[in-house]
Amino acid sequence: MIFVYILQCSDGSYYTGYTTDIKRRLQEHNEGLGSKYTRGRRPVKCVYHEEMASKSDALKRELNIKKLNRSQKERLIQANPGKHDYNT
């Protein structure tokens, strides 16, 4: 399984990525082992995720989400309640 996810950083900004293991990746971000972007914006929490059929689909969806503006991302997050159950 491949997942696309959105994290909300401590400064309120959003980070989008993809992974095969959301819980592990979230832990890595919060330990400072994730992306350079989230390293200085910890703690982060997962506010959205969706399962994709392939890595190719995940990369396309990640790019699509990254192109959304903040209000569009917030609408996506709000339209999918319960998509944040990987927080530790």
N, C-alpha and C. Protein backbone atom coordinates (compact mmCIF):
# COMPACT_ATOMS: atom_id res chain seq x y z
N MET A 1 0.84 -1.19 0.00
CA MET A 1 0.00 0.00 0.00
C MET A 1 0.88 1.25 0.00
N ILE A 2 0.46 2.21 -0.75
CA ILE A 2 1.14 3.50 -0.81
C ILE A 2 0.12 4.55 -0.37
N PHE A 3 0.57 5.46 0.47
CA PHE A 3 -0.30 6.52 0.99
C PHE A 3 0.25 7.88 0.63
N VAL A 4 -0.65 8.81 0.35
CA VAL A 4 -0.33 10.22 0.24
C VAL A 4 -0.89 10.84 1.52
N TYR A 5 -0.12 11.72 2.13
CA TYR A 5 -0.55 12.28 3.41
C TYR A 5 -0.28 13.78 3.47
N ILE A 6 -1.04 14.43 4.34
CA ILE A 6 -0.82 15.85 4.63
C ILE A 6 -0.56 15.95 6.13
N LEU A 7 0.53 16.63 6.46
CA LEU A 7 0.85 16.91 7.86
C LEU A 7 0.58 18.38 8.13
N GLN A 8 0.12 18.65 9.35
CA GLN A 8 0.03 20.04 9.79
C GLN A 8 1.20 20.25 10.74
N CYS A 9 2.00 21.25 10.43
CA CYS A 9 3.18 21.55 11.23
C CYS A 9 2.81 22.46 12.39
N SER A 10 3.73 22.59 13.35
CA SER A 10 3.46 23.39 14.54
C SER A 10 3.22 24.86 14.21
N ASP A 11 3.73 25.34 13.07
CA ASP A 11 3.49 26.73 12.68
C ASP A 11 2.21 26.89 11.86
N GLY A 12 1.44 25.79 11.71
CA GLY A 12 0.17 25.84 10.99
C GLY A 12 0.29 25.55 9.50
N SER A 13 1.50 25.43 8.99
CA SER A 13 1.69 25.14 7.57
C SER A 13 1.42 23.66 7.30
N TYR A 14 1.27 23.34 6.03
CA TYR A 14 1.00 21.97 5.61
C TYR A 14 2.18 21.40 4.83
N TYR A 15 2.42 20.12 5.01
CA TYR A 15 3.44 19.39 4.27
C TYR A 15 2.78 18.16 3.67
N THR A 16 3.03 17.90 2.40
CA THR A 16 2.46 16.74 1.72
C THR A 16 3.56 15.79 1.29
N GLY A 17 3.33 14.49 1.49
CA GLY A 17 4.31 13.49 1.08
C GLY A 17 3.62 12.17 0.78
N TYR A 18 4.44 11.16 0.52
CA TYR A 18 3.90 9.82 0.30
C TYR A 18 4.79 8.82 1.03
N THR A 19 4.20 7.67 1.37
CA THR A 19 4.93 6.65 2.13
C THR A 19 4.20 5.32 2.03
N THR A 20 4.88 4.26 2.43
CA THR A 20 4.24 2.95 2.54
C THR A 20 3.79 2.68 3.97
N ASP A 21 4.25 3.50 4.92
CA ASP A 21 3.95 3.29 6.34
C ASP A 21 3.76 4.65 7.02
N ILE A 22 2.51 5.08 7.15
CA ILE A 22 2.23 6.41 7.68
C ILE A 22 2.71 6.57 9.11
N LYS A 23 2.44 5.61 9.95
CA LYS A 23 2.82 5.72 11.36
C LYS A 23 4.34 5.88 11.51
N ARG A 24 5.10 5.06 10.78
CA ARG A 24 6.57 5.16 10.82
C ARG A 24 7.03 6.51 10.30
N ARG A 25 6.45 6.95 9.19
CA ARG A 25 6.87 8.21 8.58
C ARG A 25 6.55 9.40 9.48
N LEU A 26 5.40 9.37 10.12
CA LEU A 26 5.03 10.43 11.05
C LEU A 26 6.04 10.49 12.20
N GLN A 27 6.41 9.33 12.71
CA GLN A 27 7.40 9.27 13.79
C GLN A 27 8.73 9.85 13.31
N GLU A 28 9.13 9.50 12.10
CA GLU A 28 10.38 10.04 11.55
C GLU A 28 10.34 11.56 11.46
N HIS A 29 9.22 12.09 10.98
CA HIS A 29 9.09 13.55 10.90
C HIS A 29 9.21 14.17 12.29
N ASN A 30 8.56 13.58 13.27
CA ASN A 30 8.57 14.16 14.62
C ASN A 30 9.90 13.95 15.35
N GLU A 31 10.71 13.03 14.88
CA GLU A 31 12.05 12.84 15.46
C GLU A 31 13.11 13.65 14.72
N GLY A 32 12.69 14.42 13.72
CA GLY A 32 13.62 15.23 12.96
C GLY A 32 14.33 14.47 11.87
N LEU A 33 13.85 13.27 11.55
CA LEU A 33 14.46 12.42 10.53
C LEU A 33 13.70 12.46 9.22
N GLY A 34 12.64 13.24 9.18
CA GLY A 34 11.83 13.34 7.97
C GLY A 34 12.41 14.37 7.04
N SER A 35 11.60 15.15 6.44
CA SER A 35 12.05 16.15 5.48
C SER A 35 12.69 17.34 6.18
N LYS A 36 13.49 18.07 5.42
CA LYS A 36 14.11 19.28 5.94
C LYS A 36 13.03 20.30 6.32
N TYR A 37 11.94 20.34 5.55
CA TYR A 37 10.86 21.29 5.81
C TYR A 37 10.25 21.08 7.19
N THR A 38 9.96 19.84 7.56
CA THR A 38 9.29 19.58 8.83
C THR A 38 10.25 19.60 10.01
N ARG A 39 11.52 19.45 9.77
CA ARG A 39 12.52 19.37 10.84
C ARG A 39 12.43 20.56 11.80
N GLY A 40 12.24 21.75 11.27
CA GLY A 40 12.16 22.94 12.10
C GLY A 40 10.75 23.34 12.46
N ARG A 41 9.78 22.50 12.15
CA ARG A 41 8.37 22.84 12.40
C ARG A 41 7.67 21.76 13.21
N ARG A 42 8.42 21.11 14.05
CA ARG A 42 7.86 20.03 14.87
C ARG A 42 7.20 20.59 16.12
N PRO A 43 6.24 19.86 16.67
CA PRO A 43 5.72 18.57 16.21
C PRO A 43 4.76 18.74 15.03
N VAL A 44 4.62 17.66 14.29
CA VAL A 44 3.67 17.64 13.18
C VAL A 44 2.60 16.59 13.48
N LYS A 45 1.44 16.76 12.88
CA LYS A 45 0.39 15.76 13.02
C LYS A 45 -0.22 15.47 11.66
N CYS A 46 -0.62 14.24 11.49
CA CYS A 46 -1.24 13.83 10.23
C CYS A 46 -2.70 14.27 10.25
N VAL A 47 -3.07 15.08 9.26
CA VAL A 47 -4.45 15.59 9.20
C VAL A 47 -5.22 15.01 8.03
N TYR A 48 -4.51 14.26 7.16
CA TYR A 48 -5.19 13.69 5.99
C TYR A 48 -4.30 12.61 5.39
N HIS A 49 -4.94 11.55 4.89
CA HIS A 49 -4.22 10.56 4.09
C HIS A 49 -5.19 9.87 3.15
N GLU A 50 -4.65 9.35 2.09
CA GLU A 50 -5.46 8.53 1.19
C GLU A 50 -4.57 7.44 0.63
N GLU A 51 -5.17 6.29 0.42
CA GLU A 51 -4.45 5.13 -0.11
C GLU A 51 -4.48 5.17 -1.63
N MET A 52 -3.34 4.85 -2.22
CA MET A 52 -3.21 4.87 -3.67
C MET A 52 -2.88 3.47 -4.17
N ALA A 53 -3.18 3.20 -5.43
CA ALA A 53 -2.98 1.88 -6.01
C ALA A 53 -1.52 1.60 -6.34
N SER A 54 -0.76 2.65 -6.64
CA SER A 54 0.63 2.45 -7.05
C SER A 54 1.46 3.65 -6.65
N LYS A 55 2.78 3.49 -6.69
CA LYS A 55 3.68 4.59 -6.39
C LYS A 55 3.49 5.71 -7.42
N SER A 56 3.30 5.34 -8.66
CA SER A 56 3.07 6.33 -9.70
C SER A 56 1.83 7.17 -9.41
N ASP A 57 0.75 6.51 -9.01
CA ASP A 57 -0.48 7.23 -8.65
C ASP A 57 -0.24 8.15 -7.45
N ALA A 58 0.53 7.66 -6.47
CA ALA A 58 0.82 8.44 -5.27
C ALA A 58 1.62 9.69 -5.62
N LEU A 59 2.62 9.55 -6.47
CA LEU A 59 3.43 10.70 -6.86
C LEU A 59 2.59 11.74 -7.61
N LYS A 60 1.70 11.28 -8.47
CA LYS A 60 0.82 12.20 -9.20
C LYS A 60 -0.12 12.93 -8.24
N ARG A 61 -0.68 12.18 -7.30
CA ARG A 61 -1.61 12.79 -6.33
C ARG A 61 -0.88 13.75 -5.41
N GLU A 62 0.33 13.38 -4.98
CA GLU A 62 1.13 14.27 -4.14
C GLU A 62 1.35 15.60 -4.86
N LEU A 63 1.74 15.55 -6.11
CA LEU A 63 1.97 16.77 -6.89
C LEU A 63 0.69 17.57 -7.02
N ASN A 64 -0.43 16.88 -7.26
CA ASN A 64 -1.73 17.54 -7.37
C ASN A 64 -2.08 18.29 -6.08
N ILE A 65 -1.87 17.65 -4.94
CA ILE A 65 -2.18 18.28 -3.64
C ILE A 65 -1.24 19.45 -3.39
N LYS A 66 0.04 19.30 -3.72
CA LYS A 66 1.00 20.39 -3.50
C LYS A 66 0.64 21.63 -4.30
N LYS A 67 -0.05 21.46 -5.40
CA LYS A 67 -0.45 22.60 -6.23
C LYS A 67 -1.67 23.33 -5.67
N LEU A 68 -2.38 22.72 -4.72
CA LEU A 68 -3.56 23.36 -4.13
C LEU A 68 -3.13 24.52 -3.24
N ASN A 69 -3.97 25.54 -3.18
CA ASN A 69 -3.67 26.61 -2.23
C ASN A 69 -4.15 26.20 -0.84
N ARG A 70 -3.85 26.99 0.14
CA ARG A 70 -4.15 26.63 1.53
C ARG A 70 -5.65 26.36 1.75
N SER A 71 -6.51 27.20 1.23
CA SER A 71 -7.95 26.99 1.46
C SER A 71 -8.44 25.72 0.77
N GLN A 72 -7.88 25.41 -0.38
CA GLN A 72 -8.26 24.16 -1.06
C GLN A 72 -7.79 22.94 -0.26
N LYS A 73 -6.61 23.02 0.32
CA LYS A 73 -6.12 21.92 1.16
C LYS A 73 -7.01 21.77 2.39
N GLU A 74 -7.40 22.88 2.98
CA GLU A 74 -8.26 22.81 4.17
C GLU A 74 -9.61 22.21 3.83
N ARG A 75 -10.16 22.53 2.67
CA ARG A 75 -11.43 21.92 2.25
C ARG A 75 -11.26 20.42 2.05
N LEU A 76 -10.16 20.00 1.47
CA LEU A 76 -9.89 18.58 1.28
C LEU A 76 -9.82 17.86 2.64
N ILE A 77 -9.12 18.47 3.58
CA ILE A 77 -8.98 17.89 4.92
C ILE A 77 -10.34 17.81 5.62
N GLN A 78 -11.10 18.89 5.57
CA GLN A 78 -12.40 18.94 6.24
C GLN A 78 -13.42 18.00 5.60
N ALA A 79 -13.28 17.74 4.32
CA ALA A 79 -14.22 16.87 3.61
C ALA A 79 -13.97 15.39 3.92
N ASN A 80 -12.89 15.10 4.60
CA ASN A 80 -12.52 13.72 4.89
C ASN A 80 -12.21 13.53 6.36
N PRO A 81 -13.23 13.68 7.22
CA PRO A 81 -12.99 13.49 8.66
C PRO A 81 -12.52 12.07 8.95
N GLY A 82 -11.70 11.94 9.97
CA GLY A 82 -11.19 10.63 10.33
C GLY A 82 -9.95 10.25 9.55
N LYS A 83 -9.46 11.14 8.71
CA LYS A 83 -8.27 10.85 7.91
C LYS A 83 -7.00 11.27 8.65
N HIS A 84 -6.99 11.18 9.95
CA HIS A 84 -5.82 11.62 10.71
C HIS A 84 -5.57 10.72 11.92
N ASP A 85 -5.87 9.44 11.78
CA ASP A 85 -5.79 8.53 12.92
C ASP A 85 -4.40 7.91 13.13
N TYR A 86 -3.36 8.48 12.53
CA TYR A 86 -2.02 7.94 12.68
C TYR A 86 -1.17 8.74 13.65
N ASN A 87 -1.74 9.73 14.29
CA ASN A 87 -0.97 10.54 15.22
C ASN A 87 -0.60 9.75 16.46
N THR A 88 0.61 9.96 16.91
CA THR A 88 1.08 9.23 18.09
C THR A 88 1.14 10.12 19.28
